[in-house]
């Protein structure tokens, strides 16, 4: 999952960045509202973590503007504003969740996974697809009950396809799911990861839609 973190406190930002990356998230960090808007224009993010006390603008104003522009990505507010009315204001401005500082990184990760599950219309945490099971929290993958070892990038690619199994995702969208805005990405990187998924899960597990991109297919049948 590619997440945009908008947080001006460098210590908190570094802690969140490191903690979420260790749990398999791809995270880009900015410290200002203006930089957040620019990042949202440049990249495709699965979720936004938003601090409210930003140096150039109140985070609530940024959130309201994001929603007025039609951006519907899940937003989790991360704030020390702890009164009931402040939390209500955040949710009414368009936030999907509200987590108070200080917080536990495990809870933050769990809430992000929950937001993604709800935005994908799933009622359960595990993603199951024709005998293939993927756990977004532990990043464990099984095929017909047998564990399959995937690299971090392969896990992220599989997760992006499974979150939207009926959608065709372009190379650019898949790159955004796997890499941060500042990462150098080789031109054939996505093709390499898709090749590895097909080798481990079956030649039809990722379908190529010529001229458009890729779509989740069907993994190997049980022998």
C-alpha atoms as a PDB file:
ATOM      1  CA  UNK A   1       0.000   0.000   0.000  1.00  0.00           C
ATOM      2  CA  UNK A   2       1.364   3.410  -1.010  1.00  0.00           C
ATOM      3  CA  UNK A   3       0.657   5.974   1.717  1.00  0.00           C
ATOM      4  CA  UNK A   4       1.190   9.733   1.823  1.00  0.00           C
ATOM      5  CA  UNK A   5       2.191  11.002   5.279  1.00  0.00           C
ATOM      6  CA  UNK A   6       1.632  14.710   5.957  1.00  0.00           C
ATOM      7  CA  UNK A   7       3.383  15.496   9.246  1.00  0.00           C
ATOM      8  CA  UNK A   8       5.589  18.454  10.201  1.00  0.00           C
ATOM      9  CA  UNK A   9       7.160  16.963  13.342  1.00  0.00           C
ATOM     10  CA  UNK A  10      10.384  15.307  12.093  1.00  0.00           C
ATOM     11  CA  UNK A  11      10.628  12.811  14.958  1.00  0.00           C
ATOM     12  CA  UNK A  12       7.058  11.600  14.566  1.00  0.00           C
ATOM     13  CA  UNK A  13       7.399  11.531  10.795  1.00  0.00           C
ATOM     14  CA  UNK A  14      10.587   9.449  10.907  1.00  0.00           C
ATOM     15  CA  UNK A  15       9.060   7.019  13.383  1.00  0.00           C
ATOM     16  CA  UNK A  16       5.949   6.526  11.261  1.00  0.00           C
ATOM     17  CA  UNK A  17       7.986   6.284   8.079  1.00  0.00           C
ATOM     18  CA  UNK A  18      10.338   3.639   9.466  1.00  0.00           C
ATOM     19  CA  UNK A  19       7.614   1.676  11.244  1.00  0.00           C
ATOM     20  CA  UNK A  20       5.268   1.470   8.272  1.00  0.00           C
ATOM     21  CA  UNK A  21       8.053   0.604   5.854  1.00  0.00           C
ATOM     22  CA  UNK A  22       9.037  -2.306   8.084  1.00  0.00           C
ATOM     23  CA  UNK A  23       5.458  -3.540   7.789  1.00  0.00           C
ATOM     24  CA  UNK A  24       5.532  -3.461   4.009  1.00  0.00           C
ATOM     25  CA  UNK A  25       4.029  -0.047   3.288  1.00  0.00           C
ATOM     26  CA  UNK A  26       5.442   2.311   0.686  1.00  0.00           C
ATOM     27  CA  UNK A  27       5.461   5.766   2.316  1.00  0.00           C
ATOM     28  CA  UNK A  28       6.095   9.257   0.973  1.00  0.00           C
ATOM     29  CA  UNK A  29       6.441  12.070   3.508  1.00  0.00           C
ATOM     30  CA  UNK A  30       5.804  15.803   3.222  1.00  0.00           C
ATOM     31  CA  UNK A  31       5.642  18.441   5.958  1.00  0.00           C
ATOM     32  CA  UNK A  32       3.422  21.117   4.395  1.00  0.00           C
ATOM     33  CA  UNK A  33      -0.094  21.312   2.979  1.00  0.00           C
ATOM     34  CA  UNK A  34       1.153  22.745  -0.320  1.00  0.00           C
ATOM     35  CA  UNK A  35       3.589  19.848  -0.738  1.00  0.00           C
ATOM     36  CA  UNK A  36       0.800  17.388   0.050  1.00  0.00           C
ATOM     37  CA  UNK A  37      -1.386  18.793  -2.728  1.00  0.00           C
ATOM     38  CA  UNK A  38       1.489  18.560  -5.176  1.00  0.00           C
ATOM     39  CA  UNK A  39       2.218  14.963  -4.163  1.00  0.00           C
ATOM     40  CA  UNK A  40      -1.443  14.005  -4.615  1.00  0.00           C
ATOM     41  CA  UNK A  41      -1.292  15.382  -8.139  1.00  0.00           C
ATOM     42  CA  UNK A  42       1.885  13.474  -8.982  1.00  0.00           C
ATOM     43  CA  UNK A  43       1.216  10.084  -7.424  1.00  0.00           C
ATOM     44  CA  UNK A  44      -1.507   7.520  -6.851  1.00  0.00           C
ATOM     45  CA  UNK A  45      -1.917   6.830  -3.127  1.00  0.00           C
ATOM     46  CA  UNK A  46      -4.003   4.197  -1.391  1.00  0.00           C
ATOM     47  CA  UNK A  47      -4.392   6.325   1.765  1.00  0.00           C
ATOM     48  CA  UNK A  48      -3.454   9.655   3.346  1.00  0.00           C
ATOM     49  CA  UNK A  49      -2.225  10.136   6.926  1.00  0.00           C
ATOM     50  CA  UNK A  50      -2.857  13.760   7.846  1.00  0.00           C
ATOM     51  CA  UNK A  51      -1.624  15.851  10.759  1.00  0.00           C
ATOM     52  CA  UNK A  52      -3.779  18.912  11.458  1.00  0.00           C
ATOM     53  CA  UNK A  53      -1.233  21.371  12.833  1.00  0.00           C
ATOM     54  CA  UNK A  54       0.703  22.066   9.646  1.00  0.00           C
ATOM     55  CA  UNK A  55       2.965  25.129   9.365  1.00  0.00           C
ATOM     56  CA  UNK A  56       1.387  26.637   6.235  1.00  0.00           C
ATOM     57  CA  UNK A  57      -2.276  25.724   6.662  1.00  0.00           C
ATOM     58  CA  UNK A  58      -4.614  23.946   9.038  1.00  0.00           C
ATOM     59  CA  UNK A  59      -4.976  20.327   8.009  1.00  0.00           C
ATOM     60  CA  UNK A  60      -8.775  20.519   8.122  1.00  0.00           C
ATOM     61  CA  UNK A  61      -8.766  23.138   5.373  1.00  0.00           C
ATOM     62  CA  UNK A  62      -6.531  20.929   3.257  1.00  0.00           C
ATOM     63  CA  UNK A  63      -8.848  17.974   3.858  1.00  0.00           C
ATOM     64  CA  UNK A  64     -11.936  19.948   2.873  1.00  0.00           C
ATOM     65  CA  UNK A  65     -10.227  21.114  -0.317  1.00  0.00           C
ATOM     66  CA  UNK A  66      -9.138  17.570  -1.185  1.00  0.00           C
ATOM     67  CA  UNK A  67     -12.703  16.351  -0.822  1.00  0.00           C
ATOM     68  CA  UNK A  68     -14.118  19.294  -2.811  1.00  0.00           C
ATOM     69  CA  UNK A  69     -11.779  18.294  -5.648  1.00  0.00           C
ATOM     70  CA  UNK A  70     -13.365  14.853  -5.762  1.00  0.00           C
ATOM     71  CA  UNK A  71     -10.423  12.928  -4.295  1.00  0.00           C
ATOM     72  CA  UNK A  72     -11.917   9.987  -2.415  1.00  0.00           C
ATOM     73  CA  UNK A  73      -8.851   8.208  -1.074  1.00  0.00           C
ATOM     74  CA  UNK A  74      -9.152   7.117   2.583  1.00  0.00           C
ATOM     75  CA  UNK A  75      -7.860   9.750   5.022  1.00  0.00           C
ATOM     76  CA  UNK A  76      -6.689   9.026   8.554  1.00  0.00           C
ATOM     77  CA  UNK A  77      -6.169  12.077  10.765  1.00  0.00           C
ATOM     78  CA  UNK A  78      -3.230  11.793  13.173  1.00  0.00           C
ATOM     79  CA  UNK A  79      -3.529  14.576  15.715  1.00  0.00           C
ATOM     80  CA  UNK A  80      -3.078  15.670  19.325  1.00  0.00           C
ATOM     81  CA  UNK A  81      -6.417  17.512  19.157  1.00  0.00           C
ATOM     82  CA  UNK A  82      -8.313  15.279  21.529  1.00  0.00           C
ATOM     83  CA  UNK A  83     -11.654  16.913  22.324  1.00  0.00           C
ATOM     84  CA  UNK A  84     -14.838  15.267  21.112  1.00  0.00           C
ATOM     85  CA  UNK A  85     -15.781  18.270  18.969  1.00  0.00           C
ATOM     86  CA  UNK A  86     -12.334  18.362  17.338  1.00  0.00           C
ATOM     87  CA  UNK A  87     -12.673  14.698  16.410  1.00  0.00           C
ATOM     88  CA  UNK A  88     -16.194  15.305  15.127  1.00  0.00           C
ATOM     89  CA  UNK A  89     -14.972  18.250  13.044  1.00  0.00           C
ATOM     90  CA  UNK A  90     -12.286  16.072  11.488  1.00  0.00           C
ATOM     91  CA  UNK A  91     -14.709  13.308  10.569  1.00  0.00           C
ATOM     92  CA  UNK A  92     -17.272  15.769   9.227  1.00  0.00           C
ATOM     93  CA  UNK A  93     -14.596  17.446   7.106  1.00  0.00           C
ATOM     94  CA  UNK A  94     -14.111  14.155   5.273  1.00  0.00           C
ATOM     95  CA  UNK A  95     -11.742  12.004   7.347  1.00  0.00           C
ATOM     96  CA  UNK A  96     -12.414   8.278   7.480  1.00  0.00           C
ATOM     97  CA  UNK A  97     -10.640   7.697  10.777  1.00  0.00           C
ATOM     98  CA  UNK A  98      -9.065   9.703  13.595  1.00  0.00           C
ATOM     99  CA  UNK A  99      -6.121   8.536  15.729  1.00  0.00           C
ATOM    100  CA  UNK A 100      -4.855  10.521  18.687  1.00  0.00           C
ATOM    101  CA  UNK A 101      -1.208  11.198  19.454  1.00  0.00           C
ATOM    102  CA  UNK A 102       0.621   9.484  21.084  1.00  0.00           C
ATOM    103  CA  UNK A 103      -0.213   6.254  19.303  1.00  0.00           C
ATOM    104  CA  UNK A 104       1.045   2.737  18.744  1.00  0.00           C
ATOM    105  CA  UNK A 105       2.430   1.999  15.272  1.00  0.00           C
ATOM    106  CA  UNK A 106       0.715  -1.386  15.282  1.00  0.00           C
ATOM    107  CA  UNK A 107      -2.647   0.301  15.744  1.00  0.00           C
ATOM    108  CA  UNK A 108      -1.869   2.810  12.991  1.00  0.00           C
ATOM    109  CA  UNK A 109      -1.004  -0.017  10.590  1.00  0.00           C
ATOM    110  CA  UNK A 110      -4.134  -1.948  11.570  1.00  0.00           C
ATOM    111  CA  UNK A 111      -6.315   1.096  10.984  1.00  0.00           C
ATOM    112  CA  UNK A 112      -4.746   1.659   7.559  1.00  0.00           C
ATOM    113  CA  UNK A 113      -5.436  -1.942   6.578  1.00  0.00           C
ATOM    114  CA  UNK A 114      -9.008  -1.548   7.829  1.00  0.00           C
ATOM    115  CA  UNK A 115      -9.496   1.617   5.760  1.00  0.00           C
ATOM    116  CA  UNK A 116      -8.226  -0.139   2.649  1.00  0.00           C
ATOM    117  CA  UNK A 117     -10.451  -3.154   3.312  1.00  0.00           C
ATOM    118  CA  UNK A 118     -13.537  -0.964   3.616  1.00  0.00           C
ATOM    119  CA  UNK A 119     -12.652   1.144   0.569  1.00  0.00           C
ATOM    120  CA  UNK A 120     -12.308  -2.075  -1.451  1.00  0.00           C
ATOM    121  CA  UNK A 121     -15.720  -3.288  -0.307  1.00  0.00           C
ATOM    122  CA  UNK A 122     -14.392  -6.339   1.527  1.00  0.00           C
ATOM    123  CA  UNK A 123     -16.006  -7.630   4.718  1.00  0.00           C
ATOM    124  CA  UNK A 124     -13.037  -9.745   5.835  1.00  0.00           C
ATOM    125  CA  UNK A 125      -9.379  -8.992   6.326  1.00  0.00           C
ATOM    126  CA  UNK A 126      -7.997 -11.856   4.244  1.00  0.00           C
ATOM    127  CA  UNK A 127      -8.150 -11.532   0.464  1.00  0.00           C
ATOM    128  CA  UNK A 128      -9.083 -14.804  -1.236  1.00  0.00           C
ATOM    129  CA  UNK A 129      -9.037 -15.374  -4.976  1.00  0.00           C
ATOM    130  CA  UNK A 130      -9.425 -18.806  -6.626  1.00  0.00           C
ATOM    131  CA  UNK A 131      -7.408 -20.685  -4.013  1.00  0.00           C
ATOM    132  CA  UNK A 132      -4.956 -17.831  -3.518  1.00  0.00           C
ATOM    133  CA  UNK A 133      -4.972 -16.162  -0.089  1.00  0.00           C
ATOM    134  CA  UNK A 134      -3.186 -12.930   0.823  1.00  0.00           C
ATOM    135  CA  UNK A 135      -2.961 -11.404   4.307  1.00  0.00           C
ATOM    136  CA  UNK A 136      -2.209  -7.658   3.932  1.00  0.00           C
ATOM    137  CA  UNK A 137      -1.061  -7.332   7.558  1.00  0.00           C
ATOM    138  CA  UNK A 138       1.433 -10.192   7.673  1.00  0.00           C
ATOM    139  CA  UNK A 139       1.970 -10.246   3.873  1.00  0.00           C
ATOM    140  CA  UNK A 140       1.668 -14.028   3.967  1.00  0.00           C
ATOM    141  CA  UNK A 141       0.633 -15.679   0.713  1.00  0.00           C
ATOM    142  CA  UNK A 142      -0.726 -19.190   0.308  1.00  0.00           C
ATOM    143  CA  UNK A 143      -1.823 -21.058  -2.809  1.00  0.00           C
ATOM    144  CA  UNK A 144      -4.223 -23.937  -2.120  1.00  0.00           C
ATOM    145  CA  UNK A 145      -3.007 -23.939   1.487  1.00  0.00           C
ATOM    146  CA  UNK A 146       0.692 -24.001   0.638  1.00  0.00           C
ATOM    147  CA  UNK A 147       2.864 -21.032   1.662  1.00  0.00           C
ATOM    148  CA  UNK A 148       4.460 -19.109  -1.213  1.00  0.00           C
ATOM    149  CA  UNK A 149       7.550 -16.952  -0.666  1.00  0.00           C
ATOM    150  CA  UNK A 150       7.353 -13.556  -2.386  1.00  0.00           C
ATOM    151  CA  UNK A 151       9.675 -10.561  -2.228  1.00  0.00           C
ATOM    152  CA  UNK A 152       8.415  -7.292  -0.739  1.00  0.00           C
ATOM    153  CA  UNK A 153       7.813  -5.803  -4.197  1.00  0.00           C
ATOM    154  CA  UNK A 154       6.049  -8.946  -5.391  1.00  0.00           C
ATOM    155  CA  UNK A 155       3.805  -8.834  -2.325  1.00  0.00           C
ATOM    156  CA  UNK A 156       2.965  -5.188  -2.993  1.00  0.00           C
ATOM    157  CA  UNK A 157       2.193  -5.897  -6.653  1.00  0.00           C
ATOM    158  CA  UNK A 158      -0.004  -8.868  -5.798  1.00  0.00           C
ATOM    159  CA  UNK A 159      -1.796  -6.786  -3.168  1.00  0.00           C
ATOM    160  CA  UNK A 160      -2.496  -3.975  -5.638  1.00  0.00           C
ATOM    161  CA  UNK A 161      -3.970  -6.420  -8.160  1.00  0.00           C
ATOM    162  CA  UNK A 162      -6.025  -8.264  -5.540  1.00  0.00           C
ATOM    163  CA  UNK A 163      -7.452  -5.043  -4.091  1.00  0.00           C
ATOM    164  CA  UNK A 164      -8.949  -4.314  -7.518  1.00  0.00           C
ATOM    165  CA  UNK A 165      -9.351  -7.758  -9.148  1.00  0.00           C
ATOM    166  CA  UNK A 166     -11.763  -6.556 -11.824  1.00  0.00           C
ATOM    167  CA  UNK A 167      -9.875  -3.368 -12.650  1.00  0.00           C
ATOM    168  CA  UNK A 168      -7.217  -2.939 -15.272  1.00  0.00           C
ATOM    169  CA  UNK A 169      -4.221  -1.185 -13.722  1.00  0.00           C
ATOM    170  CA  UNK A 170      -1.747   0.707 -15.872  1.00  0.00           C
ATOM    171  CA  UNK A 171       2.010   0.359 -15.460  1.00  0.00           C
ATOM    172  CA  UNK A 172       2.035   3.832 -13.883  1.00  0.00           C
ATOM    173  CA  UNK A 173      -0.601   2.838 -11.310  1.00  0.00           C
ATOM    174  CA  UNK A 174       1.317  -0.317 -10.420  1.00  0.00           C
ATOM    175  CA  UNK A 175       4.553   1.647 -10.085  1.00  0.00           C
ATOM    176  CA  UNK A 176       2.801   4.058  -7.719  1.00  0.00           C
ATOM    177  CA  UNK A 177       1.710   1.099  -5.574  1.00  0.00           C
ATOM    178  CA  UNK A 178       5.251  -0.269  -5.292  1.00  0.00           C
ATOM    179  CA  UNK A 179       7.548   2.758  -5.295  1.00  0.00           C
ATOM    180  CA  UNK A 180       7.751   6.136  -3.599  1.00  0.00           C
ATOM    181  CA  UNK A 181       7.877   9.375  -5.573  1.00  0.00           C
ATOM    182  CA  UNK A 182      11.626   9.690  -5.040  1.00  0.00           C
ATOM    183  CA  UNK A 183      12.518   6.099  -5.884  1.00  0.00           C
ATOM    184  CA  UNK A 184      14.392   5.395  -9.063  1.00  0.00           C
ATOM    185  CA  UNK A 185      12.367   2.894 -11.081  1.00  0.00           C
ATOM    186  CA  UNK A 186      13.855   0.948 -13.965  1.00  0.00           C
ATOM    187  CA  UNK A 187      11.698   0.846 -17.078  1.00  0.00           C
ATOM    188  CA  UNK A 188      11.213  -2.927 -16.924  1.00  0.00           C
ATOM    189  CA  UNK A 189      10.754  -3.222 -13.143  1.00  0.00           C
ATOM    190  CA  UNK A 190       7.030  -4.014 -13.262  1.00  0.00           C
ATOM    191  CA  UNK A 191       7.564  -6.588 -16.022  1.00  0.00           C
ATOM    192  CA  UNK A 192      10.196  -8.319 -13.893  1.00  0.00           C
ATOM    193  CA  UNK A 193       7.886  -8.506 -10.867  1.00  0.00           C
ATOM    194  CA  UNK A 194       5.010  -9.797 -13.005  1.00  0.00           C
ATOM    195  CA  UNK A 195       7.298 -12.450 -14.488  1.00  0.00           C
ATOM    196  CA  UNK A 196       8.213 -13.613 -10.983  1.00  0.00           C
ATOM    197  CA  UNK A 197       4.556 -13.732  -9.868  1.00  0.00           C
ATOM    198  CA  UNK A 198       3.676 -15.846 -12.897  1.00  0.00           C
ATOM    199  CA  UNK A 199       6.597 -18.164 -12.208  1.00  0.00           C
ATOM    200  CA  UNK A 200       5.548 -18.697  -8.586  1.00  0.00           C
ATOM    201  CA  UNK A 201       1.747 -18.588  -8.849  1.00  0.00           C
ATOM    202  CA  UNK A 202       0.970 -19.650 -12.404  1.00  0.00           C
ATOM    203  CA  UNK A 203       1.287 -18.240 -15.901  1.00  0.00           C
ATOM    204  CA  UNK A 204      -2.297 -16.880 -15.865  1.00  0.00           C
ATOM    205  CA  UNK A 205      -2.198 -15.217 -12.435  1.00  0.00           C
ATOM    206  CA  UNK A 206      -1.618 -11.789 -14.049  1.00  0.00           C
ATOM    207  CA  UNK A 207      -3.434 -11.037 -17.297  1.00  0.00           C
ATOM    208  CA  UNK A 208      -1.959  -8.619 -19.821  1.00  0.00           C
ATOM    209  CA  UNK A 209      -4.566  -6.304 -21.340  1.00  0.00           C
ATOM    210  CA  UNK A 210      -2.838  -5.080 -24.446  1.00  0.00           C
ATOM    211  CA  UNK A 211      -2.469  -1.311 -24.625  1.00  0.00           C
ATOM    212  CA  UNK A 212      -4.041  -0.763 -21.191  1.00  0.00           C
ATOM    213  CA  UNK A 213      -2.130  -2.593 -18.488  1.00  0.00           C
ATOM    214  CA  UNK A 214      -2.619  -5.603 -16.237  1.00  0.00           C
ATOM    215  CA  UNK A 215      -5.430  -7.330 -14.391  1.00  0.00           C
ATOM    216  CA  UNK A 216      -5.699 -10.065 -11.792  1.00  0.00           C
ATOM    217  CA  UNK A 217      -6.060 -13.473 -13.431  1.00  0.00           C
ATOM    218  CA  UNK A 218      -6.400 -17.014 -12.110  1.00  0.00           C
ATOM    219  CA  UNK A 219      -3.545 -18.814 -10.316  1.00  0.00           C
ATOM    220  CA  UNK A 220      -2.527 -22.413 -10.927  1.00  0.00           C
ATOM    221  CA  UNK A 221      -5.123 -25.060 -10.103  1.00  0.00           C
ATOM    222  CA  UNK A 222      -4.457 -27.582  -7.359  1.00  0.00           C
ATOM    223  CA  UNK A 223      -2.485 -30.475  -8.832  1.00  0.00           C
END
